[in-house]
Amino acid sequence: MSLAIRAAAPGDEADILRMVRALADFEREPDAVIATEAMLTENLFGGGAQVHAHIAERDGRAVGLALWFLNYSTWTGRPGLYLEDLFVDPSERKSGVARALMVALAEEALARGCARMDWAVLDWNTEAMKFYERIGAKRNEGWQPWRIEGEGIERLALTGK
């Protein structure tokens, strides 16, 4: 059984959305996904797309996803690669798919001159943390993730509050 990693291409939207939904289920948020195939088409493949993805295929079937975008570090003066989602089908876990996707992202980061790769891990996902440690990653101590979304963004933009 051969494993191949490739950049996502138009026509992959259904597989990407399937894996995003499966990831939401795994992360205990099964109703959180509002993305559609049309949204993925626009954001991944539309003019000026800023979001990218790599697909892992085993014998032609999509079994893994790494969805990412570039950010920027003012301290290094170079871009960084931010991994938004990493997903591997349960039947493929511990078979090298996640490592192959991370290798592909590391190659992408090097090719783009990125100073670092960042991502977030749910505090209960100890298996993922162990994997990330095995590939040489470390927890970013001292920083807390923060977010504003939906109505909060709208209120801030419209009222400044």
N, C-alpha and C. Protein backbone atom coordinates (compact mmCIF):
# COMPACT_ATOMS: atom_id res chain seq x y z
N MET A 1 0.85 -1.18 0.00
CA MET A 1 0.00 0.00 0.00
C MET A 1 0.90 1.24 0.00
N SER A 2 0.76 2.05 -1.03
CA SER A 2 1.63 3.21 -1.16
C SER A 2 0.98 4.46 -0.57
N LEU A 3 1.81 5.29 0.03
CA LEU A 3 1.37 6.55 0.61
C LEU A 3 1.98 7.68 -0.21
N ALA A 4 1.15 8.64 -0.57
CA ALA A 4 1.63 9.80 -1.32
C ALA A 4 1.11 11.06 -0.65
N ILE A 5 1.94 12.08 -0.59
CA ILE A 5 1.55 13.40 -0.07
C ILE A 5 1.61 14.37 -1.23
N ARG A 6 0.55 15.15 -1.39
CA ARG A 6 0.51 16.11 -2.49
C ARG A 6 -0.26 17.35 -2.06
N ALA A 7 -0.01 18.44 -2.78
CA ALA A 7 -0.78 19.66 -2.54
C ALA A 7 -2.22 19.41 -2.96
N ALA A 8 -3.14 19.97 -2.19
CA ALA A 8 -4.56 19.87 -2.55
C ALA A 8 -4.80 20.57 -3.87
N ALA A 9 -5.79 20.08 -4.61
CA ALA A 9 -6.12 20.65 -5.93
C ALA A 9 -7.64 20.72 -6.06
N PRO A 10 -8.11 21.57 -6.96
CA PRO A 10 -9.56 21.60 -7.20
C PRO A 10 -10.08 20.19 -7.45
N GLY A 11 -11.21 19.89 -6.84
CA GLY A 11 -11.76 18.54 -6.89
C GLY A 11 -11.57 17.80 -5.59
N ASP A 12 -10.69 18.31 -4.71
CA ASP A 12 -10.45 17.69 -3.40
C ASP A 12 -11.41 18.19 -2.31
N GLU A 13 -12.27 19.14 -2.64
CA GLU A 13 -13.08 19.80 -1.62
C GLU A 13 -13.92 18.82 -0.81
N ALA A 14 -14.53 17.84 -1.44
CA ALA A 14 -15.38 16.89 -0.70
C ALA A 14 -14.55 16.09 0.30
N ASP A 15 -13.36 15.64 -0.11
CA ASP A 15 -12.50 14.90 0.82
C ASP A 15 -12.01 15.79 1.95
N ILE A 16 -11.65 17.02 1.63
CA ILE A 16 -11.19 17.96 2.67
C ILE A 16 -12.31 18.20 3.66
N LEU A 17 -13.50 18.47 3.19
CA LEU A 17 -14.63 18.73 4.09
C LEU A 17 -14.96 17.49 4.92
N ARG A 18 -14.88 16.32 4.33
CA ARG A 18 -15.11 15.07 5.09
C ARG A 18 -14.12 14.97 6.25
N MET A 19 -12.86 15.28 5.98
CA MET A 19 -11.84 15.16 7.03
C MET A 19 -11.98 16.27 8.06
N VAL A 20 -12.36 17.47 7.64
CA VAL A 20 -12.60 18.56 8.60
C VAL A 20 -13.75 18.18 9.53
N ARG A 21 -14.80 17.61 8.99
CA ARG A 21 -15.93 17.18 9.83
C ARG A 21 -15.52 16.06 10.78
N ALA A 22 -14.72 15.12 10.29
CA ALA A 22 -14.24 14.03 11.15
C ALA A 22 -13.34 14.59 12.26
N LEU A 23 -12.54 15.59 11.95
CA LEU A 23 -11.71 16.23 12.97
C LEU A 23 -12.59 16.92 14.02
N ALA A 24 -13.63 17.60 13.57
CA ALA A 24 -14.54 18.25 14.52
C ALA A 24 -15.19 17.21 15.44
N ASP A 25 -15.57 16.07 14.89
CA ASP A 25 -16.11 14.99 15.73
C ASP A 25 -15.09 14.56 16.76
N PHE A 26 -13.85 14.33 16.31
CA PHE A 26 -12.77 13.90 17.21
C PHE A 26 -12.53 14.94 18.31
N GLU A 27 -12.62 16.22 17.95
CA GLU A 27 -12.38 17.30 18.91
C GLU A 27 -13.62 17.65 19.72
N ARG A 28 -14.63 16.79 19.65
CA ARG A 28 -15.84 16.91 20.46
C ARG A 28 -16.67 18.14 20.13
N GLU A 29 -16.62 18.55 18.87
CA GLU A 29 -17.39 19.70 18.37
C GLU A 29 -18.10 19.31 17.07
N PRO A 30 -18.92 18.27 17.08
CA PRO A 30 -19.47 17.75 15.82
C PRO A 30 -20.36 18.72 15.05
N ASP A 31 -20.93 19.71 15.73
CA ASP A 31 -21.82 20.65 15.05
C ASP A 31 -21.15 21.98 14.72
N ALA A 32 -19.86 22.08 14.92
CA ALA A 32 -19.16 23.36 14.77
C ALA A 32 -18.82 23.71 13.32
N VAL A 33 -18.76 22.74 12.43
CA VAL A 33 -18.33 23.00 11.06
C VAL A 33 -19.47 23.62 10.26
N ILE A 34 -19.23 24.83 9.77
CA ILE A 34 -20.19 25.49 8.89
C ILE A 34 -19.61 25.68 7.49
N ALA A 35 -18.35 25.30 7.33
CA ALA A 35 -17.69 25.39 6.02
C ALA A 35 -18.44 24.54 5.00
N THR A 36 -18.36 24.96 3.75
CA THR A 36 -18.96 24.22 2.64
C THR A 36 -17.89 23.95 1.59
N GLU A 37 -18.20 23.07 0.66
CA GLU A 37 -17.27 22.82 -0.44
C GLU A 37 -17.01 24.10 -1.23
N ALA A 38 -18.05 24.90 -1.43
CA ALA A 38 -17.88 26.17 -2.17
C ALA A 38 -16.93 27.10 -1.43
N MET A 39 -17.03 27.16 -0.12
CA MET A 39 -16.12 28.00 0.66
C MET A 39 -14.68 27.50 0.52
N LEU A 40 -14.51 26.20 0.57
CA LEU A 40 -13.17 25.63 0.41
C LEU A 40 -12.61 25.94 -0.97
N THR A 41 -13.45 25.83 -2.00
CA THR A 41 -13.01 26.16 -3.36
C THR A 41 -12.49 27.59 -3.41
N GLU A 42 -13.25 28.51 -2.87
CA GLU A 42 -12.87 29.92 -2.91
C GLU A 42 -11.59 30.18 -2.11
N ASN A 43 -11.53 29.63 -0.89
CA ASN A 43 -10.41 29.93 -0.01
C ASN A 43 -9.12 29.20 -0.34
N LEU A 44 -9.24 28.01 -0.90
CA LEU A 44 -8.05 27.24 -1.25
C LEU A 44 -7.57 27.47 -2.68
N PHE A 45 -8.52 27.71 -3.59
CA PHE A 45 -8.16 27.73 -5.01
C PHE A 45 -8.59 29.00 -5.74
N GLY A 46 -9.29 29.90 -5.06
CA GLY A 46 -9.74 31.14 -5.69
C GLY A 46 -8.59 32.12 -5.88
N GLY A 47 -8.87 33.19 -6.59
CA GLY A 47 -7.86 34.22 -6.80
C GLY A 47 -7.36 34.78 -5.48
N GLY A 48 -6.07 34.84 -5.32
CA GLY A 48 -5.47 35.37 -4.09
C GLY A 48 -5.62 34.46 -2.88
N ALA A 49 -5.81 33.17 -3.10
CA ALA A 49 -5.99 32.22 -1.99
C ALA A 49 -4.83 32.34 -1.00
N GLN A 50 -5.17 32.38 0.27
CA GLN A 50 -4.17 32.48 1.34
C GLN A 50 -4.09 31.22 2.20
N VAL A 51 -4.94 30.25 1.90
CA VAL A 51 -5.00 29.01 2.65
C VAL A 51 -4.54 27.89 1.74
N HIS A 52 -3.83 26.93 2.30
CA HIS A 52 -3.26 25.84 1.52
C HIS A 52 -3.53 24.52 2.24
N ALA A 53 -3.40 23.44 1.52
CA ALA A 53 -3.59 22.13 2.13
C ALA A 53 -2.74 21.10 1.42
N HIS A 54 -2.35 20.10 2.18
CA HIS A 54 -1.71 18.92 1.65
C HIS A 54 -2.62 17.74 1.97
N ILE A 55 -2.69 16.82 1.04
CA ILE A 55 -3.51 15.62 1.17
C ILE A 55 -2.59 14.41 1.23
N ALA A 56 -2.86 13.50 2.15
CA ALA A 56 -2.18 12.21 2.18
C ALA A 56 -3.12 11.20 1.53
N GLU A 57 -2.59 10.46 0.57
CA GLU A 57 -3.38 9.44 -0.10
C GLU A 57 -2.72 8.07 0.06
N ARG A 58 -3.54 7.13 0.41
CA ARG A 58 -3.09 5.73 0.45
C ARG A 58 -3.81 5.03 -0.69
N ASP A 59 -3.04 4.57 -1.66
CA ASP A 59 -3.59 3.89 -2.84
C ASP A 59 -4.71 4.70 -3.47
N GLY A 60 -4.51 6.03 -3.58
CA GLY A 60 -5.46 6.90 -4.26
C GLY A 60 -6.61 7.39 -3.42
N ARG A 61 -6.71 6.97 -2.17
CA ARG A 61 -7.80 7.41 -1.29
C ARG A 61 -7.26 8.42 -0.28
N ALA A 62 -7.93 9.57 -0.14
CA ALA A 62 -7.50 10.60 0.81
C ALA A 62 -7.68 10.08 2.23
N VAL A 63 -6.57 10.02 2.99
CA VAL A 63 -6.59 9.50 4.36
C VAL A 63 -6.03 10.50 5.37
N GLY A 64 -5.53 11.64 4.90
CA GLY A 64 -4.97 12.62 5.81
C GLY A 64 -4.98 14.00 5.21
N LEU A 65 -4.97 15.00 6.09
CA LEU A 65 -5.07 16.39 5.69
C LEU A 65 -4.21 17.26 6.58
N ALA A 66 -3.47 18.16 5.97
CA ALA A 66 -2.78 19.23 6.69
C ALA A 66 -3.22 20.53 6.03
N LEU A 67 -3.97 21.35 6.74
CA LEU A 67 -4.46 22.62 6.22
C LEU A 67 -3.67 23.73 6.91
N TRP A 68 -3.11 24.67 6.14
CA TRP A 68 -2.16 25.64 6.70
C TRP A 68 -2.23 26.97 5.97
N PHE A 69 -1.59 27.96 6.59
CA PHE A 69 -1.46 29.28 5.97
C PHE A 69 -0.18 29.91 6.49
N LEU A 70 0.24 30.99 5.85
CA LEU A 70 1.44 31.70 6.29
C LEU A 70 1.08 32.80 7.27
N ASN A 71 1.93 33.00 8.25
CA ASN A 71 1.85 34.15 9.14
C ASN A 71 3.19 34.88 9.06
N TYR A 72 3.45 35.76 9.99
CA TYR A 72 4.69 36.54 9.90
C TYR A 72 5.24 36.81 11.29
N SER A 73 6.54 36.71 11.42
CA SER A 73 7.22 37.02 12.67
C SER A 73 8.02 38.31 12.51
N THR A 74 7.61 39.33 13.24
CA THR A 74 8.37 40.58 13.19
C THR A 74 9.75 40.40 13.81
N TRP A 75 9.89 39.50 14.74
CA TRP A 75 11.19 39.29 15.39
C TRP A 75 12.20 38.65 14.46
N THR A 76 11.76 37.70 13.63
CA THR A 76 12.70 37.06 12.71
C THR A 76 12.72 37.76 11.36
N GLY A 77 11.69 38.57 11.08
CA GLY A 77 11.59 39.22 9.79
C GLY A 77 11.31 38.26 8.66
N ARG A 78 10.72 37.12 9.01
CA ARG A 78 10.44 36.08 8.02
C ARG A 78 9.05 35.51 8.24
N PRO A 79 8.49 34.89 7.20
CA PRO A 79 7.18 34.26 7.38
C PRO A 79 7.30 33.01 8.25
N GLY A 80 6.15 32.57 8.71
CA GLY A 80 6.03 31.31 9.41
C GLY A 80 4.89 30.53 8.79
N LEU A 81 4.89 29.25 9.03
CA LEU A 81 3.82 28.39 8.54
C LEU A 81 2.97 28.01 9.73
N TYR A 82 1.66 28.30 9.67
CA TYR A 82 0.75 27.95 10.75
C TYR A 82 -0.12 26.79 10.30
N LEU A 83 -0.01 25.68 11.01
CA LEU A 83 -0.81 24.49 10.75
C LEU A 83 -2.14 24.64 11.48
N GLU A 84 -3.20 24.85 10.73
CA GLU A 84 -4.53 25.01 11.31
C GLU A 84 -5.13 23.67 11.70
N ASP A 85 -5.04 22.69 10.82
CA ASP A 85 -5.62 21.37 11.08
C ASP A 85 -4.71 20.28 10.55
N LEU A 86 -4.51 19.26 11.38
CA LEU A 86 -3.85 18.03 10.96
C LEU A 86 -4.81 16.90 11.30
N PHE A 87 -5.18 16.13 10.30
CA PHE A 87 -6.12 15.03 10.53
C PHE A 87 -5.65 13.80 9.78
N VAL A 88 -5.77 12.66 10.44
CA VAL A 88 -5.49 11.37 9.84
C VAL A 88 -6.67 10.46 10.15
N ASP A 89 -7.19 9.78 9.13
CA ASP A 89 -8.28 8.83 9.35
C ASP A 89 -7.89 7.86 10.47
N PRO A 90 -8.83 7.53 11.36
CA PRO A 90 -8.51 6.62 12.47
C PRO A 90 -7.85 5.32 12.03
N SER A 91 -8.26 4.76 10.91
CA SER A 91 -7.69 3.49 10.45
C SER A 91 -6.23 3.64 10.00
N GLU A 92 -5.79 4.87 9.80
CA GLU A 92 -4.42 5.14 9.33
C GLU A 92 -3.49 5.68 10.40
N ARG A 93 -4.02 5.90 11.59
CA ARG A 93 -3.18 6.46 12.65
C ARG A 93 -2.08 5.48 13.04
N LYS A 94 -0.93 6.03 13.36
CA LYS A 94 0.27 5.28 13.72
C LYS A 94 0.85 4.50 12.55
N SER A 95 0.52 4.93 11.33
CA SER A 95 1.06 4.26 10.14
C SER A 95 2.04 5.15 9.38
N GLY A 96 2.36 6.32 9.93
CA GLY A 96 3.32 7.21 9.29
C GLY A 96 2.69 8.34 8.49
N VAL A 97 1.35 8.41 8.44
CA VAL A 97 0.68 9.44 7.66
C VAL A 97 0.94 10.82 8.25
N ALA A 98 0.76 10.97 9.56
CA ALA A 98 0.97 12.28 10.20
C ALA A 98 2.42 12.74 10.02
N ARG A 99 3.36 11.84 10.21
CA ARG A 99 4.77 12.19 10.03
C ARG A 99 5.03 12.63 8.59
N ALA A 100 4.48 11.90 7.62
CA ALA A 100 4.69 12.26 6.22
C ALA A 100 4.09 13.63 5.91
N LEU A 101 2.94 13.94 6.47
CA LEU A 101 2.36 15.27 6.28
C LEU A 101 3.23 16.34 6.92
N MET A 102 3.74 16.09 8.11
CA MET A 102 4.60 17.08 8.77
C MET A 102 5.91 17.27 8.03
N VAL A 103 6.47 16.20 7.47
CA VAL A 103 7.67 16.32 6.65
C VAL A 103 7.38 17.20 5.44
N ALA A 104 6.24 16.98 4.79
CA ALA A 104 5.87 17.79 3.62
C ALA A 104 5.73 19.26 4.01
N LEU A 105 5.16 19.52 5.19
CA LEU A 105 5.03 20.91 5.64
C LEU A 105 6.39 21.51 5.97
N ALA A 106 7.27 20.74 6.56
CA ALA A 106 8.62 21.23 6.84
C ALA A 106 9.34 21.57 5.54
N GLU A 107 9.17 20.74 4.53
CA GLU A 107 9.76 21.03 3.22
C GLU A 107 9.17 22.32 2.65
N GLU A 108 7.86 22.48 2.79
CA GLU A 108 7.18 23.70 2.32
C GLU A 108 7.71 24.92 3.06
N ALA A 109 7.86 24.79 4.38
CA ALA A 109 8.36 25.90 5.19
C ALA A 109 9.78 26.28 4.75
N LEU A 110 10.63 25.30 4.52
CA LEU A 110 11.99 25.60 4.05
C LEU A 110 11.96 26.28 2.69
N ALA A 111 11.15 25.78 1.78
CA ALA A 111 11.08 26.35 0.43
C ALA A 111 10.59 27.79 0.45
N ARG A 112 9.74 28.14 1.44
CA ARG A 112 9.18 29.48 1.52
C ARG A 112 9.99 30.40 2.45
N GLY A 113 11.09 29.90 2.97
CA GLY A 113 11.93 30.72 3.85
C GLY A 113 11.32 30.97 5.22
N CYS A 114 10.49 30.08 5.67
CA CYS A 114 9.82 30.26 6.97
C CYS A 114 10.80 30.06 8.12
N ALA A 115 10.66 30.89 9.13
CA ALA A 115 11.50 30.80 10.32
C ALA A 115 10.98 29.76 11.30
N ARG A 116 9.68 29.43 11.22
CA ARG A 116 9.12 28.49 12.18
C ARG A 116 7.79 27.94 11.67
N MET A 117 7.36 26.90 12.35
CA MET A 117 6.04 26.31 12.14
C MET A 117 5.34 26.32 13.50
N ASP A 118 4.08 26.73 13.49
CA ASP A 118 3.30 26.79 14.72
C ASP A 118 1.98 26.06 14.54
N TRP A 119 1.41 25.61 15.65
CA TRP A 119 0.08 25.01 15.67
C TRP A 119 -0.38 24.93 17.11
N ALA A 120 -1.63 24.60 17.31
CA ALA A 120 -2.20 24.45 18.64
C ALA A 120 -2.65 23.00 18.82
N VAL A 121 -2.63 22.53 20.06
CA VAL A 121 -3.05 21.18 20.39
C VAL A 121 -4.02 21.27 21.57
N LEU A 122 -5.12 20.56 21.47
CA LEU A 122 -6.05 20.53 22.60
C LEU A 122 -5.36 19.93 23.81
N ASP A 123 -5.63 20.50 24.99
CA ASP A 123 -4.91 20.08 26.19
C ASP A 123 -5.14 18.63 26.60
N TRP A 124 -6.17 17.99 26.10
CA TRP A 124 -6.44 16.60 26.42
C TRP A 124 -5.89 15.62 25.38
N ASN A 125 -5.35 16.12 24.27
CA ASN A 125 -4.89 15.25 23.19
C ASN A 125 -3.43 14.85 23.42
N THR A 126 -3.23 14.00 24.41
CA THR A 126 -1.87 13.61 24.80
C THR A 126 -1.16 12.79 23.72
N GLU A 127 -1.90 12.01 22.95
CA GLU A 127 -1.26 11.25 21.86
C GLU A 127 -0.65 12.19 20.83
N ALA A 128 -1.37 13.26 20.49
CA ALA A 128 -0.82 14.24 19.55
C ALA A 128 0.41 14.91 20.15
N MET A 129 0.35 15.26 21.42
CA MET A 129 1.50 15.91 22.06
C MET A 129 2.73 15.00 22.02
N LYS A 130 2.55 13.72 22.30
CA LYS A 130 3.67 12.77 22.25
C LYS A 130 4.24 12.70 20.84
N PHE A 131 3.37 12.66 19.83
CA PHE A 131 3.84 12.64 18.44
C PHE A 131 4.65 13.89 18.13
N TYR A 132 4.13 15.06 18.50
CA TYR A 132 4.84 16.30 18.20
C TYR A 132 6.19 16.35 18.90
N GLU A 133 6.25 15.84 20.12
CA GLU A 133 7.55 15.78 20.80
C GLU A 133 8.52 14.87 20.06
N ARG A 134 8.02 13.74 19.56
CA ARG A 134 8.88 12.80 18.82
C ARG A 134 9.47 13.42 17.56
N ILE A 135 8.75 14.36 16.94
CA ILE A 135 9.31 14.97 15.72
C ILE A 135 10.13 16.22 16.03
N GLY A 136 10.33 16.51 17.32
CA GLY A 136 11.21 17.61 17.70
C GLY A 136 10.52 18.91 18.06
N ALA A 137 9.20 18.91 18.12
CA ALA A 137 8.47 20.14 18.48
C ALA A 137 8.45 20.29 20.00
N LYS A 138 8.23 21.50 20.46
CA LYS A 138 8.10 21.75 21.89
C LYS A 138 6.95 22.72 22.14
N ARG A 139 6.41 22.60 23.33
CA ARG A 139 5.32 23.47 23.75
C ARG A 139 5.83 24.90 23.83
N ASN A 140 5.03 25.84 23.40
CA ASN A 140 5.38 27.25 23.43
C ASN A 140 4.96 27.81 24.80
N GLU A 141 5.83 27.67 25.76
CA GLU A 141 5.53 28.08 27.13
C GLU A 141 5.36 29.59 27.24
N GLY A 142 4.47 30.00 28.10
CA GLY A 142 4.30 31.41 28.42
C GLY A 142 3.26 32.12 27.57
N TRP A 143 2.89 31.55 26.44
CA TRP A 143 1.90 32.17 25.57
C TRP A 143 0.57 31.45 25.73
N GLN A 144 -0.49 32.23 25.81
CA GLN A 144 -1.84 31.67 25.87
C GLN A 144 -2.56 31.98 24.58
N PRO A 145 -3.31 31.00 24.07
CA PRO A 145 -4.09 31.31 22.87
C PRO A 145 -5.28 32.21 23.22
N TRP A 146 -5.53 33.20 22.41
CA TRP A 146 -6.67 34.11 22.57
C TRP A 146 -7.40 34.19 21.25
N ARG A 147 -8.69 34.51 21.32
CA ARG A 147 -9.49 34.56 20.11
C ARG A 147 -10.65 35.53 20.28
N ILE A 148 -11.01 36.17 19.20
CA ILE A 148 -12.26 36.92 19.11
C ILE A 148 -12.93 36.46 17.83
N GLU A 149 -14.24 36.25 17.88
CA GLU A 149 -14.92 35.74 16.69
C GLU A 149 -16.34 36.25 16.61
N GLY A 150 -16.95 36.05 15.45
CA GLY A 150 -18.35 36.34 15.24
C GLY A 150 -18.79 37.71 15.68
N GLU A 151 -19.75 37.73 16.62
CA GLU A 151 -20.32 38.98 17.10
C GLU A 151 -19.27 39.88 17.75
N GLY A 152 -18.27 39.29 18.37
CA GLY A 152 -17.22 40.09 18.98
C GLY A 152 -16.44 40.89 17.95
N ILE A 153 -16.12 40.27 16.82
CA ILE A 153 -15.43 40.98 15.74
C ILE A 153 -16.32 42.11 15.22
N GLU A 154 -17.58 41.78 14.99
CA GLU A 154 -18.51 42.77 14.47
C GLU A 154 -18.66 43.96 15.42
N ARG A 155 -18.81 43.67 16.69
CA ARG A 155 -18.98 44.75 17.69
C ARG A 155 -17.73 45.62 17.73
N LEU A 156 -16.55 45.00 17.75
CA LEU A 156 -15.30 45.77 17.79
C LEU A 156 -15.15 46.63 16.54
N ALA A 157 -15.44 46.06 15.39
CA ALA A 157 -15.30 46.81 14.13
C ALA A 157 -16.28 47.96 14.03
N LEU A 158 -17.50 47.75 14.50
CA LEU A 158 -18.55 48.75 14.33
C LEU A 158 -18.61 49.78 15.45
N THR A 159 -18.23 49.38 16.67
CA THR A 159 -18.37 50.29 17.80
C THR A 159 -17.05 50.62 18.50
N GLY A 160 -16.01 49.86 18.19
CA GLY A 160 -14.74 50.06 18.88
C GLY A 160 -14.72 49.49 20.28
N LYS A 161 -15.77 48.74 20.66
CA LYS A 161 -15.85 48.17 22.00
C LYS A 161 -15.85 46.66 21.97
